[in-house]
Amino acid sequence: MGYQVPHKVGDRVGVGCFVDSCRKCGPCLGGLEQYCVEGPTLTYNGVERDGQTRTQGGYSNKIVADENYVLRIPDNLPMDRTAPLLCAGITMYSPLMHWKAGPGKKVGIIGLGGLGHMGVKIAHALDAEVSVLSHSLKKQDEAKKMGADKFYATTSSDQESFEKLKGYFDLIINTLSVEIDWNRYLNLLTLDGTMVVVGLPENETPLGAASLINARRSLAGSVIGGIRETQAMLDFCSKHNIASDIELLQIQKVNEAYPRVVKSDVRYRFVIDTKSLD
C-alpha cells in the first residue's frame, strides 16, 4: 500500500475494465477515461503505458493497481454479484444517465442478457417506464421481476409489435452483439429520440438515412464509464439494492461454461470464484 493511498488494508475494493489512461487528454481530464484519446489501458490483455508490458487481467487472487483506478465497493453489496457491475452495470448506467432516463421517459432495452438485465434494473430504479424488446417471450416473467413494465417479442417476422410501438420510445439501448435491422428499431423512437448501441456486432450494420431524418432521431454509441461515474453507479446500486444476477463458477468448470456463454444460456453473468484458484 503506497503513501497517501485513499484505501486501507481490509477495504472492499474493485478494479474495472481499465487500469490506466493517459491522464492528460480532454476526456481523461473530464473524468471520461474510457474515451481516452490515446486509449485506456485495458485490464485484460491490454498494454501498459510503457507500450510493452501486458496487463494480466483479474482472474487471480491478487492484482496490483494504481489507486486512481480502484473503486470502493459499498458494504451492502455482495462481492460476487457486484463484480459484473464494473462492466455490465456501468455499461448500462452511463447511457441511461447521459440521455436522462427518468420519470416520464419511455426506455426500451433490446435484449435481456448480461447487459440488458442490468439496464432493466437501473432504468426501473430511475423511475423510467422500461420495456424489454426480445426475440421471444421466454424471459418475460424474469424481466417483470427485475422491474420491466412491458415486454415485447420483436422477431424479424413480427410486424405487429413494430407497428404498435412506432414512435413510442424516448430512448432505446441496443445491447446485442449480433446483427439486427437497426432501421426497424430506430422507427420505434419518438421525435428527438435516441438509440444507443452498446453491443459490438462482428459485421457492419446497414443504416438508412430516412430512419433518422424523418423524426430528427439520433443514433449513438456508448462504452462503459469513467472512474467517477463508475463509483457513482456503485453508490446508486447500493442505495437501490441492485446487483447482477449471476451463476458462481469454479475456475475448473470454465471449459464447461464457455459453450453456454456462446449459446446465451447464462442467468445472467458467470462469475469465477477466485477461492477456487487456490
Protein backbone atom coordinates (compact mmCIF):
# COMPACT_ATOMS: atom_id res chain seq x y z
CA MET A 1 0.00 0.00 0.00
CA GLY A 2 1.60 3.24 -1.16
CA TYR A 3 1.85 6.54 0.71
CA GLN A 4 -1.41 8.58 0.79
CA VAL A 5 -3.41 5.86 -0.95
CA PRO A 6 -7.10 6.52 -0.12
CA HIS A 7 -7.70 2.87 0.79
CA LYS A 8 -6.53 0.72 3.66
CA VAL A 9 -5.97 -2.97 4.26
CA GLY A 10 -9.32 -4.70 4.66
CA ASP A 11 -11.31 -2.26 2.49
CA ARG A 12 -13.75 -3.69 -0.05
CA VAL A 13 -12.49 -2.51 -3.45
CA GLY A 14 -12.74 -3.46 -7.08
CA VAL A 15 -10.92 -2.92 -10.37
CA GLY A 16 -12.97 -2.44 -13.51
CA CYS A 17 -12.28 -2.77 -17.22
CA PHE A 18 -9.27 -0.44 -17.36
CA VAL A 19 -6.36 0.28 -15.05
CA ASP A 20 -4.83 3.43 -16.53
CA SER A 21 -5.16 6.12 -19.20
CA CYS A 22 -3.06 8.99 -20.48
CA ARG A 23 -4.47 11.36 -17.80
CA LYS A 24 -3.86 14.45 -19.94
CA CYS A 25 -6.33 14.46 -22.85
CA GLY A 26 -9.73 16.17 -22.72
CA PRO A 27 -11.76 13.03 -21.91
CA CYS A 28 -9.34 11.98 -19.15
CA LEU A 29 -9.34 15.44 -17.57
CA GLY A 30 -13.13 15.41 -17.78
CA GLY A 31 -13.42 12.12 -15.89
CA LEU A 32 -14.22 10.12 -19.03
CA GLU A 33 -11.11 7.97 -19.07
CA GLN A 34 -12.84 5.26 -21.09
CA TYR A 35 -12.70 7.64 -24.06
CA CYS A 36 -9.00 8.44 -23.61
CA VAL A 37 -7.66 9.76 -26.93
CA GLU A 38 -4.61 7.50 -26.65
CA GLY A 39 -6.78 4.62 -25.48
CA PRO A 40 -7.26 3.40 -21.91
CA THR A 41 -5.09 0.59 -20.58
CA LEU A 42 -7.49 -2.34 -20.51
CA THR A 43 -7.36 -4.68 -17.53
CA TYR A 44 -7.48 -7.80 -19.73
CA ASN A 45 -4.71 -8.34 -22.29
CA GLY A 46 -4.05 -4.61 -22.58
CA VAL A 47 -0.70 -2.87 -22.82
CA GLU A 48 0.66 -0.68 -20.01
CA ARG A 49 1.64 2.93 -20.72
CA ASP A 50 5.24 1.80 -21.32
CA GLY A 51 3.94 0.29 -24.57
CA GLN A 52 5.40 -3.12 -23.78
CA THR A 53 4.08 -4.71 -20.58
CA ARG A 54 0.93 -6.80 -20.92
CA THR A 55 -1.81 -6.44 -18.34
CA GLN A 56 -2.71 -9.79 -16.80
CA GLY A 57 -6.40 -9.35 -16.05
CA GLY A 58 -8.35 -10.08 -12.92
CA TYR A 59 -8.58 -13.88 -12.90
CA SER A 60 -6.25 -14.02 -9.92
CA ASN A 61 -6.25 -13.74 -6.15
CA LYS A 62 -4.05 -10.63 -6.23
CA ILE A 63 -3.69 -7.63 -8.51
CA VAL A 64 -1.51 -4.51 -8.37
CA ALA A 65 -3.38 -1.37 -9.46
CA ASP A 66 -2.99 2.40 -9.38
CA GLU A 67 -5.18 3.82 -6.61
CA ASN A 68 -6.78 6.28 -9.05
CA TYR A 69 -8.37 3.36 -10.88
CA VAL A 70 -9.57 1.43 -7.84
CA LEU A 71 -13.22 1.62 -6.78
CA ARG A 72 -14.84 1.43 -3.36
CA ILE A 73 -17.44 -1.35 -3.00
CA PRO A 74 -20.32 -0.38 -0.66
CA ASP A 75 -20.73 -2.68 2.32
CA ASN A 76 -24.25 -3.85 1.47
CA LEU A 77 -23.36 -5.14 -2.00
CA PRO A 78 -22.22 -8.80 -2.19
CA MET A 79 -18.82 -9.03 -3.82
CA ASP A 80 -19.67 -11.80 -6.30
CA ARG A 81 -22.83 -10.10 -7.57
CA THR A 82 -21.06 -6.73 -7.67
CA ALA A 83 -18.24 -7.88 -9.95
CA PRO A 84 -20.36 -7.61 -13.16
CA LEU A 85 -21.46 -4.11 -12.16
CA LEU A 86 -17.94 -2.94 -13.03
CA CYS A 87 -18.62 -3.91 -16.66
CA ALA A 88 -22.28 -4.61 -17.43
CA GLY A 89 -23.60 -2.29 -14.73
CA ILE A 90 -21.65 0.79 -15.80
CA THR A 91 -22.21 -0.02 -19.50
CA MET A 92 -25.93 0.48 -18.93
CA TYR A 93 -25.82 3.13 -16.20
CA SER A 94 -23.74 5.55 -18.28
CA PRO A 95 -26.12 5.94 -21.26
CA LEU A 96 -29.19 5.90 -19.02
CA MET A 97 -27.77 8.84 -17.09
CA HIS A 98 -26.33 10.67 -20.10
CA TRP A 99 -29.63 10.54 -22.00
CA LYS A 100 -31.56 11.39 -18.82
CA ALA A 101 -33.73 8.34 -18.31
CA GLY A 102 -36.18 9.03 -15.51
CA PRO A 103 -39.83 9.82 -14.67
CA GLY A 104 -41.94 10.33 -17.76
CA LYS A 105 -39.36 8.75 -20.09
CA LYS A 106 -40.03 5.56 -22.05
CA VAL A 107 -36.94 3.36 -22.29
CA GLY A 108 -36.58 0.27 -24.47
CA ILE A 109 -33.88 -2.34 -23.79
CA ILE A 110 -33.07 -4.61 -26.74
CA GLY A 111 -32.01 -7.98 -25.36
CA LEU A 112 -32.26 -9.40 -21.84
CA GLY A 113 -28.78 -10.80 -21.25
CA GLY A 114 -25.90 -9.77 -19.02
CA LEU A 115 -26.17 -6.14 -20.16
CA GLY A 116 -29.92 -5.96 -20.70
CA HIS A 117 -30.94 -7.26 -17.29
CA MET A 118 -28.83 -4.56 -15.65
CA GLY A 119 -30.42 -1.95 -17.89
CA VAL A 120 -33.88 -3.03 -16.74
CA LYS A 121 -32.95 -2.84 -13.07
CA ILE A 122 -31.27 0.56 -13.33
CA ALA A 123 -33.94 2.13 -15.57
CA HIS A 124 -36.61 0.90 -13.16
CA ALA A 125 -34.76 2.43 -10.21
CA LEU A 126 -34.63 5.73 -12.14
CA ASP A 127 -38.46 5.60 -12.36
CA ALA A 128 -38.50 5.39 -16.14
CA GLU A 129 -41.03 3.22 -17.93
CA VAL A 130 -38.89 0.33 -19.15
CA SER A 131 -39.74 -2.19 -21.85
CA VAL A 132 -37.76 -5.21 -22.99
CA LEU A 133 -37.56 -5.96 -26.72
CA SER A 134 -36.57 -9.60 -27.13
CA HIS A 135 -36.63 -12.25 -29.86
CA SER A 136 -39.04 -14.38 -27.80
CA LEU A 137 -41.23 -14.28 -24.70
CA LYS A 138 -39.15 -16.87 -22.80
CA LYS A 139 -37.71 -14.36 -20.33
CA GLN A 140 -40.86 -12.30 -19.84
CA ASP A 141 -41.55 -13.38 -16.26
CA GLU A 142 -37.93 -12.85 -15.24
CA ALA A 143 -37.92 -9.38 -16.79
CA LYS A 144 -41.07 -8.38 -14.91
CA LYS A 145 -39.49 -9.46 -11.62
CA MET A 146 -36.49 -7.24 -12.41
CA GLY A 147 -38.74 -4.23 -12.90
CA ALA A 148 -39.72 -4.28 -16.57
CA ASP A 149 -43.08 -2.64 -17.16
CA LYS A 150 -43.62 -4.18 -20.58
CA PHE A 151 -42.16 -7.00 -22.67
CA TYR A 152 -42.37 -7.38 -26.44
CA ALA A 153 -41.30 -10.18 -28.78
CA THR A 154 -39.73 -8.46 -31.78
CA THR A 155 -38.65 -11.15 -34.22
CA SER A 156 -37.73 -10.32 -37.79
CA SER A 157 -41.10 -11.65 -38.94
CA ASP A 158 -43.17 -9.89 -36.28
CA GLN A 159 -44.53 -6.75 -37.91
CA GLU A 160 -47.32 -6.27 -35.32
CA SER A 161 -45.05 -5.19 -32.46
CA PHE A 162 -43.10 -2.81 -34.67
CA GLU A 163 -46.30 -1.17 -35.91
CA LYS A 164 -47.72 -0.91 -32.40
CA LEU A 165 -44.57 0.70 -30.98
CA LYS A 166 -43.81 3.08 -33.84
CA GLY A 167 -42.71 6.46 -32.44
CA TYR A 168 -43.06 5.25 -28.83
CA PHE A 169 -39.67 5.34 -27.08
CA ASP A 170 -37.60 8.29 -25.94
CA LEU A 171 -34.52 6.10 -25.55
CA ILE A 172 -33.59 2.65 -26.82
CA ILE A 173 -30.41 0.87 -25.74
CA ASN A 174 -29.30 -1.94 -28.03
CA THR A 175 -27.28 -4.47 -26.03
CA LEU A 176 -26.95 -7.07 -28.78
CA SER A 177 -23.66 -8.10 -30.36
CA VAL A 178 -25.41 -9.78 -33.28
CA GLU A 179 -26.67 -8.11 -36.43
CA ILE A 180 -30.26 -6.81 -36.35
CA ASP A 181 -32.07 -4.31 -38.56
CA TRP A 182 -31.31 -1.03 -36.79
CA ASN A 183 -33.71 0.81 -39.11
CA ARG A 184 -36.73 -1.06 -37.74
CA TYR A 185 -35.80 -0.17 -34.16
CA LEU A 186 -34.98 3.46 -34.97
CA ASN A 187 -38.55 3.82 -36.20
CA LEU A 188 -39.72 2.98 -32.68
CA LEU A 189 -38.24 6.26 -31.41
CA THR A 190 -40.32 9.36 -30.84
CA LEU A 191 -39.36 12.80 -32.14
CA ASP A 192 -35.78 13.56 -31.00
CA GLY A 193 -35.44 10.05 -29.59
CA THR A 194 -32.07 8.30 -29.40
CA MET A 195 -30.94 4.72 -29.90
CA VAL A 196 -27.67 3.93 -28.13
CA VAL A 197 -25.54 0.99 -29.26
CA VAL A 198 -23.53 -0.72 -26.51
CA GLY A 199 -23.08 -4.12 -28.16
CA LEU A 200 -20.46 -4.67 -30.85
CA PRO A 201 -21.63 -6.78 -33.82
CA GLU A 202 -18.95 -8.54 -35.81
CA ASN A 203 -20.15 -7.15 -39.15
CA GLU A 204 -21.13 -3.66 -40.25
CA THR A 205 -24.82 -2.79 -39.96
CA PRO A 206 -26.64 -1.13 -42.89
CA LEU A 207 -28.36 2.12 -42.00
CA GLY A 208 -30.96 4.10 -43.95
CA ALA A 209 -30.94 7.87 -43.50
CA ALA A 210 -34.74 8.02 -43.55
CA SER A 211 -34.87 6.25 -40.17
CA LEU A 212 -33.05 9.24 -38.68
CA ILE A 213 -34.23 12.30 -40.56
CA ASN A 214 -37.96 11.53 -40.51
CA ALA A 215 -38.23 12.32 -36.78
CA ARG A 216 -34.90 14.05 -36.00
CA ARG A 217 -33.72 10.86 -34.36
CA SER A 218 -30.18 10.13 -33.20
CA LEU A 219 -28.03 7.00 -33.29
CA ALA A 220 -25.25 6.99 -30.71
CA GLY A 221 -22.76 4.68 -29.05
CA SER A 222 -21.51 4.30 -25.50
CA VAL A 223 -18.82 2.24 -23.76
CA ILE A 224 -18.51 1.53 -20.00
CA GLY A 225 -17.86 4.69 -17.91
CA GLY A 226 -15.16 6.76 -16.26
CA ILE A 227 -13.90 6.15 -12.74
CA ARG A 228 -16.04 8.89 -11.18
CA GLU A 229 -19.17 7.67 -12.91
CA THR A 230 -18.44 4.04 -12.07
CA GLN A 231 -18.18 4.96 -8.39
CA ALA A 232 -21.46 6.87 -8.70
CA MET A 233 -23.03 3.77 -10.27
CA LEU A 234 -21.87 1.59 -7.37
CA ASP A 235 -23.29 4.05 -4.87
CA PHE A 236 -26.56 4.19 -6.83
CA CYS A 237 -26.80 0.39 -6.85
CA SER A 238 -26.07 0.35 -3.11
CA LYS A 239 -28.88 2.83 -2.46
CA HIS A 240 -31.37 0.86 -4.57
CA ASN A 241 -30.10 -2.61 -3.59
CA ILE A 242 -29.21 -3.52 -7.17
CA ALA A 243 -26.77 -6.28 -8.07
CA SER A 244 -26.22 -8.57 -11.03
CA ASP A 245 -27.93 -11.94 -11.32
CA ILE A 246 -25.09 -14.45 -11.55
CA GLU A 247 -24.01 -18.06 -11.64
CA LEU A 248 -20.94 -18.51 -9.44
CA LEU A 249 -18.38 -20.68 -11.19
CA GLN A 250 -15.35 -22.66 -10.05
CA ILE A 251 -12.33 -21.97 -12.27
CA GLN A 252 -12.09 -25.70 -13.03
CA LYS A 253 -15.51 -25.50 -14.78
CA VAL A 254 -14.59 -22.72 -17.22
CA ASN A 255 -14.37 -25.02 -20.24
CA GLU A 256 -17.84 -26.37 -19.47
CA ALA A 257 -19.24 -22.86 -19.05
CA TYR A 258 -17.90 -21.37 -22.27
CA PRO A 259 -20.32 -23.14 -24.66
CA ARG A 260 -23.19 -21.85 -22.52
CA VAL A 261 -21.88 -18.32 -22.96
CA VAL A 262 -21.82 -18.79 -26.72
CA LYS A 263 -25.43 -20.06 -26.62
CA SER A 264 -26.53 -17.20 -24.33
CA ASP A 265 -27.54 -19.82 -21.78
CA VAL A 266 -26.49 -17.89 -18.66
CA ARG A 267 -28.64 -16.22 -16.00
CA TYR A 268 -27.16 -13.64 -16.40
CA ARG A 269 -23.42 -13.48 -15.84
CA PHE A 270 -20.85 -16.11 -14.94
CA VAL A 271 -18.58 -15.02 -12.09
CA ILE A 272 -15.44 -17.02 -11.31
CA ASP A 273 -14.95 -17.75 -7.61
CA THR A 274 -11.31 -16.79 -7.01
CA LYS A 275 -11.21 -19.09 -3.97
CA SER A 276 -11.17 -21.95 -6.45
CA LEU A 277 -7.78 -20.74 -7.73
CA ASP A 278 -6.07 -21.98 -4.54
